[in-house]
Amino acid sequence: MPTGPSPRWTAREAVAVVTDDFTELPAPAGEPTAAAGAVPGEPLGGAAPDDEPFDDGPLGWHGYGAARQRARERTGERESVVVGTARVAGVETVLVSFEFGFLGGSLGRRTGDRLVAAYTHARERHLPVVSLIATGGSRMQEGMRALSQLQRVAAQSALNRAAGLPQLAVVRDPTTGGGWATLGAGADVVLALPGAQVGFAGSRVRPAGADPYAYSAEGQLAAGQLDAVVPPDRLRATLGGWLRLLAPGSARAAGADAASPVAAAPLPYALGAPRLPGSGWEAVCAARDERRPRAAAYLDAYFEWREEISGDRCGGTDTGVRCGFGRRDGRTVAFAAQCGTAVRPAGFRTAARLIRLADRLGIPVLTLVDTPGAANDPAAEGAGAGAAIADAFAVLASVRTPVTSLLVGEGGSGGALALAAPGRLWATPDSYFSVIAPESAAAILKRDAGAVRDTADQLRIRPQDLLDLGIIQGIVSPPVSG
């Protein structure tokens, strides 16, 4: 359940939480600023003379100009967003911060102008965009002119994605309507403050009796729509960590030529038993041994530090698949790691989401393969297990960024193969890969239980068998001691 009230920061307070260095962008042409009239080049959000009235907008909505005037006097802002550049954890960034006190942080035409200016500046300077969101949606006093700003925002976001620039969102309280459905949910990484109201439907238009948890940051995290709920005192560090990982050039080692291809992620060392199995069944037992190192141990040993994403953005999460980005030897590597459990559709979709993002940002990927197979219960089938696996296969077959895969335990059929990069798969000594589990193979062949061991040998599932068959490129060794 929500942890309590979320801080109601002003736009400027939100900026101050994440950076000490903020410079506003020039006002878009035609927007009134501190100087009377339309004067480009003045800082956005500058105070205008009190005798400079707002008009009633494109619909001639009576009282709209007066409402904006009161909002300006109350907040000191001339619009519902403040945009500019800043350094967050040393990374130059374009910041967009919403002022909820200005007509509920709603989006109107001038809001759209400012957002377009922010995205455009990010492309010109090759910078990430961070949105600190608090909004009630589109501004009804401007009607369809306001709603159409969502299309402008979406178009700008698409241009920045095509340019390989990351977009991050911090969801404040409240974040609803079009602001959530564009800058919020459309970001590459979505963080939220505890207790924040989050959802497409605002509090006054939700169905009667609707569970408020579904419209909270915590509820959206559980539904796979957010990557993390971050306490206010951890927001700057968390956001800074993400920017250091995803900022343009983060995938290259220091001194690397920016024009050179992205190098593949280095292979991890084997952490388990170094001895190869003598039989197929011995390989199965070694891979199923509860004492064997799992994904968490490999990730801890491989990365200096890392951040994880969560959720498939389709309503699901799977704790059996860990995905994110980490720092190794001065560069960023993305990872998608199976944790030894049956993978659910949300797990495959989250991994596919991770790999697509890494591909767009030019970041190499490491996948760790370890699962008895894909979940096959009725809930998994209803959630689209086949489609999710098919999508994972398609992603690995089509990405341009190099993907390195390591089999660290069980390789159970298509559920494991879905995260194994074609032609770039290695194995640890305590692993196996099989078209089907030996027990299932024996059952299908109508063999008794005593034939399972022989069936395991016939399947040729040991690491050395996989190498002979050309399925893997090699068997990794433990690190050299001393």
Protein backbone atom coordinates (compact mmCIF):
# COMPACT_ATOMS: atom_id res chain seq x y z
CA MET A 1 0.00 0.00 0.00
CA PRO A 2 1.11 3.64 -0.39
CA THR A 3 3.58 4.64 2.29
CA GLY A 4 2.04 8.04 3.05
CA PRO A 5 1.69 11.46 1.50
CA SER A 6 4.15 12.27 -1.26
CA PRO A 7 5.97 15.62 -1.14
CA ARG A 8 4.20 18.35 -3.12
CA TRP A 9 7.25 20.14 -4.46
CA THR A 10 7.01 23.21 -6.65
CA ALA A 11 8.76 23.02 -10.02
CA ARG A 12 11.76 24.90 -8.63
CA GLU A 13 11.91 22.80 -5.48
CA ALA A 14 11.91 19.62 -7.57
CA VAL A 15 14.80 20.97 -9.65
CA ALA A 16 16.72 21.88 -6.49
CA VAL A 17 16.29 18.35 -5.14
CA VAL A 18 18.19 16.79 -8.08
CA THR A 19 20.71 19.50 -8.99
CA ASP A 20 22.42 22.66 -7.76
CA ASP A 21 23.16 23.84 -11.28
CA PHE A 22 20.15 24.81 -13.42
CA THR A 23 19.96 27.28 -16.33
CA GLU A 24 16.62 27.94 -17.99
CA LEU A 25 16.30 27.74 -21.75
CA PRO A 26 15.36 30.81 -23.82
CA ALA A 27 11.66 31.36 -24.28
CA PRO A 28 10.16 30.03 -27.53
CA ALA A 29 9.48 32.74 -30.09
CA GLY A 30 6.17 34.46 -29.46
CA GLU A 31 5.89 33.76 -25.73
CA PRO A 32 5.62 36.81 -23.45
CA THR A 33 8.48 36.99 -20.93
CA ALA A 34 9.85 39.43 -18.39
CA ALA A 35 9.99 42.07 -21.10
CA ALA A 36 6.57 43.16 -22.32
CA GLY A 37 5.48 41.48 -25.52
CA ALA A 38 6.92 38.52 -27.44
CA VAL A 39 10.66 38.67 -26.89
CA PRO A 40 12.66 35.48 -27.60
CA GLY A 41 15.84 34.91 -25.64
CA GLU A 42 14.60 35.79 -22.15
CA PRO A 43 14.63 32.98 -19.53
CA LEU A 44 11.50 30.87 -19.45
CA GLY A 45 9.32 31.48 -16.42
CA GLY A 46 10.49 35.06 -15.90
CA ALA A 47 8.06 37.33 -14.10
CA ALA A 48 6.00 39.54 -16.40
CA PRO A 49 4.69 42.99 -15.48
CA ASP A 50 1.51 42.79 -13.44
CA ASP A 51 -0.33 44.91 -15.98
CA GLU A 52 0.37 42.47 -18.84
CA PRO A 53 -2.84 40.41 -19.04
CA PHE A 54 -3.30 36.86 -20.25
CA ASP A 55 -5.90 36.35 -22.95
CA ASP A 56 -8.75 33.83 -22.69
CA GLY A 57 -7.09 31.36 -25.05
CA PRO A 58 -8.11 29.72 -28.34
CA LEU A 59 -11.65 28.93 -27.16
CA GLY A 60 -12.27 32.36 -25.68
CA TRP A 61 -13.03 30.59 -22.37
CA HIS A 62 -14.34 33.31 -20.09
CA GLY A 63 -12.13 33.74 -17.06
CA TYR A 64 -9.25 31.64 -18.41
CA GLY A 65 -6.92 34.61 -18.65
CA ALA A 66 -7.78 35.71 -15.13
CA ALA A 67 -7.15 32.17 -13.83
CA ARG A 68 -3.70 32.15 -15.41
CA GLN A 69 -3.02 35.57 -13.94
CA ARG A 70 -3.85 34.28 -10.47
CA ALA A 71 -1.68 31.21 -11.06
CA ARG A 72 1.23 33.45 -12.08
CA GLU A 73 0.84 35.58 -8.97
CA ARG A 74 0.61 32.51 -6.75
CA THR A 75 3.54 30.57 -8.22
CA GLY A 76 5.78 33.14 -9.87
CA GLU A 77 5.64 31.11 -13.11
CA ARG A 78 4.13 31.98 -16.48
CA GLU A 79 3.46 28.40 -17.47
CA SER A 80 3.02 24.94 -15.99
CA VAL A 81 6.54 23.74 -16.87
CA VAL A 82 10.02 25.08 -16.31
CA VAL A 83 12.69 23.80 -18.70
CA GLY A 84 16.44 24.18 -18.78
CA THR A 85 19.81 22.47 -18.58
CA ALA A 86 21.57 21.15 -15.51
CA ARG A 87 24.31 18.84 -14.38
CA VAL A 88 23.05 15.85 -12.42
CA ALA A 89 25.87 13.73 -10.99
CA GLY A 90 28.16 15.53 -13.40
CA VAL A 91 26.05 14.60 -16.45
CA GLU A 92 24.75 17.51 -18.52
CA THR A 93 21.00 17.03 -18.85
CA VAL A 94 17.88 18.77 -20.11
CA LEU A 95 15.42 19.11 -17.24
CA VAL A 96 11.65 19.53 -17.50
CA SER A 97 9.91 20.31 -14.22
CA PHE A 98 6.14 20.69 -13.82
CA GLU A 99 4.53 23.32 -11.61
CA PHE A 100 1.33 21.76 -10.27
CA GLY A 101 0.36 25.05 -8.65
CA PHE A 102 -0.11 26.54 -12.13
CA LEU A 103 -3.53 25.22 -13.18
CA GLY A 104 -2.76 21.74 -11.89
CA GLY A 105 0.38 21.37 -14.01
CA SER A 106 -1.91 21.03 -17.03
CA LEU A 107 -0.67 20.98 -20.62
CA GLY A 108 -1.68 23.81 -22.93
CA ARG A 109 -0.27 25.21 -26.15
CA ARG A 110 2.46 27.20 -24.40
CA THR A 111 3.35 24.13 -22.35
CA GLY A 112 3.78 22.24 -25.61
CA ASP A 113 5.99 25.01 -26.98
CA ARG A 114 8.30 24.70 -23.98
CA LEU A 115 8.44 20.92 -24.19
CA VAL A 116 9.28 21.07 -27.90
CA ALA A 117 12.06 23.53 -27.10
CA ALA A 118 13.43 21.19 -24.44
CA TYR A 119 13.48 18.11 -26.66
CA THR A 120 14.96 20.08 -29.54
CA HIS A 121 17.74 21.44 -27.33
CA ALA A 122 18.50 17.91 -26.13
CA ARG A 123 18.93 16.72 -29.72
CA GLU A 124 21.08 19.69 -30.67
CA ARG A 125 23.37 19.12 -27.69
CA HIS A 126 23.07 15.30 -27.67
CA LEU A 127 21.77 15.25 -24.09
CA PRO A 128 19.40 13.05 -22.07
CA VAL A 129 16.01 14.43 -20.99
CA VAL A 130 14.77 14.14 -17.40
CA SER A 131 11.14 15.03 -16.66
CA LEU A 132 10.07 15.83 -13.10
CA ILE A 133 6.33 15.38 -13.55
CA ALA A 134 3.34 16.61 -11.55
CA THR A 135 0.28 17.17 -13.71
CA GLY A 136 -3.44 16.67 -13.92
CA GLY A 137 -3.48 16.26 -17.70
CA SER A 138 -4.51 18.44 -20.63
CA ARG A 139 -5.94 21.94 -20.08
CA MET A 140 -9.67 21.83 -20.74
CA GLN A 141 -9.90 25.63 -21.18
CA GLU A 142 -7.96 25.17 -24.44
CA GLY A 143 -9.98 22.16 -25.60
CA MET A 144 -8.56 20.09 -28.44
CA ARG A 145 -5.74 22.60 -28.91
CA ALA A 146 -4.47 21.44 -25.50
CA LEU A 147 -5.06 17.74 -26.11
CA SER A 148 -3.16 17.86 -29.38
CA GLN A 149 -0.02 18.83 -27.46
CA LEU A 150 0.27 15.15 -26.53
CA GLN A 151 0.95 14.38 -30.17
CA ARG A 152 3.62 17.08 -30.29
CA VAL A 153 5.28 15.65 -27.19
CA ALA A 154 5.11 12.11 -28.57
CA ALA A 155 6.66 13.22 -31.86
CA GLN A 156 9.53 14.95 -30.06
CA SER A 157 10.08 11.94 -27.84
CA ALA A 158 10.25 9.71 -30.91
CA LEU A 159 12.87 11.97 -32.50
CA ASN A 160 15.02 11.78 -29.37
CA ARG A 161 14.67 8.00 -29.25
CA ALA A 162 15.78 7.80 -32.87
CA ALA A 163 18.80 9.94 -31.96
CA GLY A 164 19.80 7.42 -29.30
CA LEU A 165 19.14 9.78 -26.38
CA PRO A 166 17.79 8.42 -23.08
CA GLN A 167 14.65 9.78 -21.45
CA LEU A 168 14.02 9.45 -17.73
CA ALA A 169 10.96 10.41 -15.72
CA VAL A 170 10.46 11.13 -12.04
CA VAL A 171 6.77 10.78 -11.21
CA ARG A 172 5.69 13.22 -8.52
CA ASP A 173 2.30 13.64 -6.88
CA PRO A 174 -0.01 13.63 -8.76
CA THR A 175 0.82 12.44 -12.27
CA THR A 176 -2.26 11.68 -14.34
CA GLY A 177 -3.76 12.06 -17.80
CA GLY A 178 -1.73 12.92 -20.85
CA GLY A 179 1.36 13.89 -18.88
CA TRP A 180 1.54 10.35 -17.51
CA ALA A 181 0.73 8.81 -20.90
CA THR A 182 3.54 10.71 -22.68
CA LEU A 183 6.46 12.02 -20.65
CA GLY A 184 5.84 9.59 -17.78
CA ALA A 185 4.96 6.13 -19.09
CA GLY A 186 6.78 6.84 -22.36
CA ALA A 187 10.18 7.32 -20.69
CA ASP A 188 12.93 4.71 -20.84
CA VAL A 189 13.25 4.59 -17.05
CA VAL A 190 10.41 5.64 -14.76
CA LEU A 191 11.05 6.46 -11.10
CA ALA A 192 8.34 7.56 -8.67
CA LEU A 193 8.13 9.19 -5.26
CA PRO A 194 6.50 7.11 -2.51
CA GLY A 195 2.77 7.58 -2.20
CA ALA A 196 2.42 9.53 -5.43
CA GLN A 197 -0.90 9.29 -7.30
CA VAL A 198 -0.10 7.80 -10.69
CA GLY A 199 -2.48 6.79 -13.47
CA PHE A 200 -4.19 7.85 -16.64
CA ALA A 201 -7.40 8.59 -14.72
CA GLY A 202 -7.34 11.50 -12.30
CA SER A 203 -8.95 11.25 -8.87
CA ARG A 204 -12.18 12.95 -9.98
CA VAL A 205 -12.87 10.77 -13.02
CA ARG A 206 -12.09 7.28 -11.72
CA PRO A 207 -14.82 4.64 -11.46
CA ALA A 208 -16.77 4.76 -8.22
CA GLY A 209 -15.26 2.47 -5.62
CA ALA A 210 -12.00 2.01 -7.51
CA ASP A 211 -9.14 0.72 -5.37
CA PRO A 212 -6.81 3.72 -4.81
CA TYR A 213 -3.84 1.34 -4.67
CA ALA A 214 -4.13 0.79 -8.42
CA TYR A 215 -3.57 4.53 -8.89
CA SER A 216 -0.56 4.78 -6.58
CA ALA A 217 3.16 4.59 -7.29
CA GLU A 218 3.32 1.34 -5.36
CA GLY A 219 0.41 -0.16 -7.27
CA GLN A 220 1.87 0.86 -10.61
CA LEU A 221 5.22 -0.67 -9.62
CA ALA A 222 3.51 -3.96 -8.80
CA ALA A 223 1.75 -3.82 -12.19
CA GLY A 224 5.02 -3.45 -14.09
CA GLN A 225 4.54 0.20 -15.06
CA LEU A 226 7.38 1.71 -13.00
CA ASP A 227 11.00 0.77 -12.48
CA ALA A 228 11.36 1.89 -8.86
CA VAL A 229 9.77 3.88 -6.06
CA VAL A 230 12.52 6.10 -4.67
CA PRO A 231 12.46 7.96 -1.32
CA PRO A 232 13.03 11.71 -1.68
CA ASP A 233 16.38 11.57 0.11
CA ARG A 234 17.64 9.00 -2.41
CA LEU A 235 16.28 10.65 -5.54
CA ARG A 236 19.33 12.68 -6.54
CA ALA A 237 21.72 9.74 -6.12
CA THR A 238 19.44 7.31 -7.93
CA LEU A 239 18.74 9.65 -10.82
CA GLY A 240 22.43 10.50 -11.05
CA GLY A 241 23.33 6.83 -11.17
CA TRP A 242 20.94 6.21 -14.04
CA LEU A 243 22.26 9.20 -15.98
CA ARG A 244 25.86 8.07 -15.56
CA LEU A 245 24.88 4.67 -16.92
CA LEU A 246 22.74 5.79 -19.85
CA ALA A 247 24.23 9.11 -20.96
CA PRO A 248 25.58 9.11 -24.53
CA GLY A 249 29.05 7.57 -24.68
CA SER A 250 28.64 5.61 -21.43
CA ALA A 251 29.08 2.27 -23.23
CA ARG A 252 32.61 3.11 -24.36
CA ALA A 253 35.73 2.71 -22.27
CA ALA A 254 37.75 5.83 -21.54
CA GLY A 255 39.74 6.90 -24.58
CA ALA A 256 37.74 4.79 -27.03
CA ASP A 257 37.06 6.24 -30.47
CA ALA A 258 33.45 7.46 -30.62
CA ALA A 259 33.23 6.30 -34.25
CA SER A 260 34.31 2.73 -33.52
CA PRO A 261 31.77 -0.08 -33.09
CA VAL A 262 30.56 -0.87 -29.58
CA ALA A 263 32.67 -3.68 -28.14
CA ALA A 264 30.92 -6.79 -26.80
CA ALA A 265 30.52 -7.25 -23.07
CA PRO A 266 33.37 -9.35 -21.62
CA LEU A 267 32.52 -12.85 -20.43
CA PRO A 268 32.09 -13.41 -16.70
CA TYR A 269 34.23 -15.99 -14.97
CA ALA A 270 32.68 -19.26 -13.81
CA LEU A 271 31.88 -19.10 -10.09
CA GLY A 272 30.89 -22.73 -9.45
CA ALA A 273 32.63 -26.09 -9.56
CA PRO A 274 35.41 -26.14 -12.19
CA ARG A 275 35.13 -29.87 -12.98
CA LEU A 276 33.19 -30.92 -16.06
CA PRO A 277 30.44 -33.53 -15.49
CA GLY A 278 31.14 -37.13 -16.36
CA SER A 279 27.60 -37.91 -17.53
CA GLY A 280 24.48 -36.14 -18.68
CA TRP A 281 22.68 -36.84 -15.42
CA GLU A 282 25.65 -35.55 -13.45
CA ALA A 283 25.40 -32.32 -15.46
CA VAL A 284 21.71 -32.05 -14.56
CA CYS A 285 22.41 -32.63 -10.87
CA ALA A 286 25.20 -30.04 -10.83
CA ALA A 287 22.97 -27.44 -12.47
CA ARG A 288 20.11 -28.16 -10.06
CA ASP A 289 22.31 -28.08 -6.96
CA GLU A 290 20.88 -25.45 -4.60
CA ARG A 291 24.44 -24.47 -3.58
CA ARG A 292 25.36 -23.48 -7.13
CA PRO A 293 25.97 -19.74 -7.76
CA ARG A 294 22.93 -18.05 -9.22
CA ALA A 295 22.40 -14.84 -11.17
CA ALA A 296 22.80 -12.56 -8.15
CA ALA A 297 26.28 -13.92 -7.44
CA TYR A 298 27.34 -13.45 -11.06
CA LEU A 299 25.98 -9.90 -11.21
CA ASP A 300 27.70 -8.98 -7.93
CA ALA A 301 31.02 -10.34 -9.17
CA TYR A 302 30.73 -8.79 -12.63
CA PHE A 303 29.61 -5.21 -11.93
CA GLU A 304 31.08 -2.46 -9.81
CA TRP A 305 27.54 -1.11 -9.34
CA ARG A 306 24.25 -1.40 -11.19
CA GLU A 307 20.64 -0.20 -11.44
CA GLU A 308 17.69 -2.42 -12.33
CA ILE A 309 14.53 -1.87 -14.33
CA SER A 310 11.27 -3.55 -13.40
CA GLY A 311 8.18 -4.61 -15.29
CA ASP A 312 7.12 -5.33 -18.83
CA ARG A 313 4.89 -2.22 -19.23
CA CYS A 314 2.06 -4.62 -20.06
CA GLY A 315 0.83 -5.24 -16.53
CA GLY A 316 3.32 -7.82 -15.30
CA THR A 317 6.53 -8.40 -13.40
CA ASP A 318 8.71 -11.48 -12.92
CA THR A 319 11.18 -11.59 -10.03
CA GLY A 320 12.82 -14.56 -11.73
CA VAL A 321 14.37 -12.31 -14.38
CA ARG A 322 16.63 -9.43 -13.36
CA CYS A 323 17.33 -6.72 -15.92
CA GLY A 324 19.21 -3.46 -15.85
CA PHE A 325 22.46 -1.65 -16.52
CA GLY A 326 25.74 -1.75 -14.63
CA ARG A 327 29.23 -0.30 -14.68
CA ARG A 328 32.19 -2.51 -15.46
CA ASP A 329 35.72 -1.27 -16.18
CA GLY A 330 34.55 2.27 -16.83
CA ARG A 331 31.75 1.45 -19.28
CA THR A 332 28.09 0.51 -19.17
CA VAL A 333 26.85 -3.00 -19.88
CA ALA A 334 23.18 -4.01 -19.94
CA PHE A 335 22.11 -7.32 -18.42
CA ALA A 336 19.16 -9.69 -18.53
CA ALA A 337 19.59 -12.57 -16.09
CA GLN A 338 17.40 -15.59 -15.45
CA CYS A 339 17.45 -16.56 -11.78
CA GLY A 340 16.82 -20.31 -11.94
CA THR A 341 13.02 -20.26 -11.88
CA ALA A 342 10.48 -20.92 -14.62
CA VAL A 343 10.27 -17.70 -16.63
CA ARG A 344 6.88 -16.03 -16.90
CA PRO A 345 5.71 -14.01 -19.92
CA ALA A 346 6.44 -10.76 -18.08
CA GLY A 347 10.03 -11.91 -17.63
CA PHE A 348 10.56 -12.41 -21.35
CA ARG A 349 8.90 -9.09 -22.14
CA THR A 350 11.00 -7.23 -19.57
CA ALA A 351 14.16 -8.76 -21.01
CA ALA A 352 13.08 -7.80 -24.53
CA ARG A 353 12.37 -4.27 -23.33
CA LEU A 354 15.85 -4.11 -21.79
CA ILE A 355 17.61 -5.39 -24.91
CA ARG A 356 15.73 -3.00 -27.20
CA LEU A 357 16.67 -0.05 -25.00
CA ALA A 358 20.32 -1.13 -24.91
CA ASP A 359 20.30 -1.48 -28.69
CA ARG A 360 18.89 2.00 -29.15
CA LEU A 361 21.46 3.52 -26.80
CA GLY A 362 24.37 1.55 -28.26
CA ILE A 363 25.10 -0.40 -25.06
CA PRO A 364 26.36 -4.02 -25.15
CA VAL A 365 24.27 -6.70 -23.45
CA LEU A 366 25.11 -9.64 -21.22
CA THR A 367 22.48 -12.35 -20.73
CA LEU A 368 22.72 -15.06 -18.09
CA VAL A 369 20.77 -18.20 -18.99
CA ASP A 370 19.43 -20.27 -16.10
CA THR A 371 15.89 -21.65 -16.10
CA PRO A 372 14.19 -25.06 -16.10
CA GLY A 373 12.00 -23.59 -18.84
CA ALA A 374 9.16 -21.22 -19.53
CA ALA A 375 6.22 -21.21 -17.12
CA ASN A 376 3.42 -23.29 -18.67
CA ASP A 377 0.53 -22.93 -16.23
CA PRO A 378 -2.85 -21.58 -17.41
CA ALA A 379 -2.04 -18.06 -16.16
CA ALA A 380 1.18 -18.01 -18.20
CA GLU A 381 -0.61 -19.23 -21.30
CA GLY A 382 -3.31 -16.59 -20.84
CA ALA A 383 -0.65 -13.90 -20.44
CA GLY A 384 0.84 -14.77 -23.83
CA ALA A 385 3.78 -17.07 -23.09
CA GLY A 386 4.23 -18.01 -26.73
CA ALA A 387 4.09 -14.43 -27.99
CA ALA A 388 6.50 -13.26 -25.29
CA ILE A 389 9.03 -15.97 -26.17
CA ALA A 390 8.64 -15.23 -29.87
CA ASP A 391 9.35 -11.57 -29.22
CA ALA A 392 12.49 -12.41 -27.23
CA PHE A 393 13.75 -14.56 -30.12
CA ALA A 394 13.03 -11.71 -32.57
CA VAL A 395 14.86 -9.15 -30.44
CA LEU A 396 18.03 -11.23 -30.19
CA ALA A 397 17.89 -11.97 -33.91
CA SER A 398 17.61 -8.33 -34.92
CA VAL A 399 19.58 -6.09 -32.55
CA ARG A 400 22.73 -4.35 -33.75
CA THR A 401 24.39 -4.05 -30.35
CA PRO A 402 26.54 -7.06 -29.41
CA VAL A 403 24.92 -9.57 -27.05
CA THR A 404 27.05 -11.98 -25.02
CA SER A 405 25.31 -14.96 -23.37
CA LEU A 406 26.53 -17.27 -20.63
CA LEU A 407 24.77 -20.47 -19.59
CA VAL A 408 25.27 -20.58 -15.80
CA GLY A 409 22.90 -23.38 -14.78
CA GLU A 410 19.86 -25.05 -16.28
CA GLY A 411 19.15 -24.56 -19.97
CA GLY A 412 15.58 -25.72 -20.19
CA SER A 413 14.33 -25.81 -23.77
CA GLY A 414 12.93 -22.72 -25.54
CA GLY A 415 12.54 -20.79 -22.30
CA ALA A 416 16.30 -20.77 -21.94
CA LEU A 417 17.09 -20.43 -25.63
CA ALA A 418 15.01 -17.24 -25.78
CA LEU A 419 17.78 -15.36 -23.92
CA ALA A 420 20.72 -17.13 -25.60
CA ALA A 421 22.35 -14.97 -28.27
CA PRO A 422 22.72 -16.88 -31.57
CA GLY A 423 26.38 -17.69 -32.15
CA ARG A 424 27.53 -15.97 -28.94
CA LEU A 425 26.76 -18.47 -26.18
CA TRP A 426 29.25 -19.82 -23.66
CA ALA A 427 28.72 -22.19 -20.72
CA THR A 428 30.04 -22.79 -17.22
CA PRO A 429 31.17 -26.30 -16.18
CA ASP A 430 28.13 -26.70 -13.87
CA SER A 431 25.49 -26.19 -16.55
CA TYR A 432 23.52 -28.09 -19.17
CA PHE A 433 21.29 -27.26 -22.14
CA SER A 434 18.59 -29.58 -23.40
CA VAL A 435 15.78 -29.60 -25.90
CA ILE A 436 13.66 -31.01 -23.08
CA ALA A 437 14.17 -32.08 -19.47
CA PRO A 438 15.42 -35.69 -19.27
CA GLU A 439 12.42 -36.70 -17.14
CA SER A 440 9.99 -35.28 -19.70
CA ALA A 441 11.89 -36.90 -22.57
CA ALA A 442 11.69 -40.30 -20.87
CA ALA A 443 7.97 -39.86 -20.24
CA ILE A 444 7.29 -38.94 -23.85
CA LEU A 445 9.27 -41.96 -25.02
CA LYS A 446 7.29 -44.13 -22.56
CA ARG A 447 10.40 -45.16 -20.69
CA ASP A 448 10.32 -45.99 -17.00
CA ALA A 449 11.84 -43.75 -14.34
CA GLY A 450 15.03 -45.79 -14.28
CA ALA A 451 15.78 -44.77 -17.86
CA VAL A 452 16.05 -41.04 -17.08
CA ARG A 453 19.82 -41.18 -16.56
CA ASP A 454 20.41 -42.96 -19.86
CA THR A 455 18.08 -40.51 -21.59
CA ALA A 456 20.12 -37.60 -20.20
CA ASP A 457 23.24 -39.11 -21.77
CA GLN A 458 21.47 -39.66 -25.10
CA LEU A 459 20.42 -36.00 -25.22
CA ARG A 460 24.08 -34.91 -25.05
CA ILE A 461 23.46 -31.97 -22.76
CA ARG A 462 26.83 -31.59 -20.98
CA PRO A 463 28.91 -28.45 -21.65
CA GLN A 464 31.52 -30.49 -23.53
CA ASP A 465 28.74 -32.08 -25.63
CA LEU A 466 27.36 -28.65 -26.46
CA LEU A 467 30.82 -27.53 -27.54
CA ASP A 468 31.25 -30.58 -29.79
CA LEU A 469 27.83 -29.93 -31.34
CA GLY A 470 28.71 -26.30 -32.06
CA ILE A 471 25.94 -24.96 -29.80
CA ILE A 472 28.31 -22.99 -27.56
CA GLN A 473 31.52 -21.16 -28.37
CA GLY A 474 33.42 -22.31 -25.31
CA ILE A 475 33.42 -23.30 -21.65
CA VAL A 476 34.45 -20.53 -19.25
CA SER A 477 36.81 -21.16 -16.35
CA PRO A 478 36.93 -19.85 -12.79
CA PRO A 479 39.13 -16.77 -12.19
CA VAL A 480 42.83 -17.43 -11.74
CA SER A 481 43.64 -17.13 -8.03
CA GLY A 482 46.52 -15.18 -6.60
